[in-house]
Amino acid sequence: MLTDFKLYSLANISIKSYLHLSTMPNPKGNPQNFEPAQPKGEESMTATISFRATEKMKEEVKAQEDPPEFCRQAIQEKLDRNKGK
């Protein structure tokens, strides 16, 4: 029968082995995959916006083909309309 110390040691070794294996780089990896994504517009998109919405709004936005782009376009349309006032 294993003692508590042996079980702890085995669990600790297993976790360390898993973490080591899961973080090892793939020698055949493709370094181009690590380049930052190109922005869709002229300006780079580095800022983030967070706001509250109803659950229904959230579900409708998530149902869109490209939810982030849908939100960007909706906000830009409203900003453009407000400039025209």
Protein backbone atom coordinates (compact mmCIF):
# COMPACT_ATOMS: atom_id res chain seq x y z
CA MET A 1 0.00 0.00 0.00
CA LEU A 2 1.34 3.46 -0.91
CA THR A 3 1.84 6.01 1.81
CA ASP A 4 0.57 9.56 1.52
CA PHE A 5 4.11 10.78 0.84
CA LYS A 6 4.59 8.32 -2.02
CA LEU A 7 1.24 9.28 -3.54
CA TYR A 8 2.14 12.96 -3.27
CA SER A 9 5.53 12.31 -4.86
CA LEU A 10 3.99 10.32 -7.73
CA ALA A 11 1.35 12.99 -8.35
CA ASN A 12 3.97 15.74 -8.19
CA ILE A 13 6.22 13.94 -10.67
CA SER A 14 3.30 13.29 -13.02
CA ILE A 15 2.27 16.95 -12.97
CA LYS A 16 5.83 18.12 -13.55
CA SER A 17 6.24 15.66 -16.43
CA TYR A 18 2.96 16.79 -17.98
CA LEU A 19 3.86 20.47 -17.66
CA HIS A 20 7.30 19.83 -19.11
CA LEU A 21 5.96 17.86 -22.06
CA SER A 22 3.12 20.27 -22.76
CA THR A 23 5.46 23.28 -22.89
CA MET A 24 8.24 21.78 -24.98
CA PRO A 25 8.61 23.42 -28.40
CA ASN A 26 8.01 21.31 -31.46
CA PRO A 27 11.33 21.05 -33.34
CA LYS A 28 9.40 20.84 -36.61
CA GLY A 29 7.21 23.82 -35.70
CA ASN A 30 6.50 26.66 -38.09
CA PRO A 31 7.85 29.99 -36.71
CA GLN A 32 5.53 31.98 -39.01
CA ASN A 33 2.65 30.86 -36.78
CA PHE A 34 4.01 33.04 -33.99
CA GLU A 35 3.93 36.29 -35.95
CA PRO A 36 1.20 38.72 -34.80
CA ALA A 37 -2.02 38.67 -36.81
CA GLN A 38 -2.38 41.41 -39.39
CA PRO A 39 -5.17 43.91 -38.70
CA LYS A 40 -8.11 44.02 -41.12
CA GLY A 41 -8.09 47.81 -41.37
CA GLU A 42 -5.53 50.51 -41.92
CA GLU A 43 -4.80 51.06 -38.23
CA SER A 44 -3.57 48.32 -35.93
CA MET A 45 -6.18 47.23 -33.43
CA THR A 46 -4.48 47.22 -30.06
CA ALA A 47 -7.16 48.74 -27.80
CA THR A 48 -9.94 46.72 -26.20
CA ILE A 49 -13.46 47.76 -25.20
CA SER A 50 -15.66 46.00 -22.69
CA PHE A 51 -19.33 46.78 -22.07
CA ARG A 52 -22.44 45.25 -20.58
CA ALA A 53 -25.25 43.87 -22.74
CA THR A 54 -28.37 41.81 -22.26
CA GLU A 55 -28.12 38.05 -22.61
CA LYS A 56 -30.26 38.24 -25.77
CA MET A 57 -27.90 40.80 -27.35
CA LYS A 58 -24.91 38.66 -26.47
CA GLU A 59 -26.44 35.58 -28.09
CA GLU A 60 -27.38 37.51 -31.25
CA VAL A 61 -23.85 38.91 -31.58
CA LYS A 62 -22.29 35.48 -30.98
CA ALA A 63 -24.52 34.07 -33.74
CA GLN A 64 -22.87 36.35 -36.32
CA GLU A 65 -20.26 34.92 -38.70
CA ASP A 66 -17.48 37.17 -37.30
CA PRO A 67 -18.68 38.63 -33.96
CA PRO A 68 -15.71 40.98 -33.35
CA GLU A 69 -15.91 42.46 -36.85
CA PHE A 70 -19.70 42.76 -36.54
CA CYS A 71 -19.27 44.82 -33.33
CA ARG A 72 -16.54 47.00 -34.88
CA GLN A 73 -18.72 47.77 -37.91
CA ALA A 74 -21.80 48.51 -35.77
CA ILE A 75 -19.83 50.91 -33.55
CA GLN A 76 -18.21 52.60 -36.55
CA GLU A 77 -21.60 53.08 -38.25
CA LYS A 78 -23.01 54.73 -35.13
CA LEU A 79 -19.93 56.96 -34.78
CA ASP A 80 -20.23 58.03 -38.43
CA ARG A 81 -23.94 58.84 -37.98
CA ASN A 82 -23.19 60.90 -34.88
CA LYS A 83 -20.55 62.91 -36.79
CA GLY A 84 -23.16 63.84 -39.38
CA LYS A 85 -25.50 65.43 -36.81
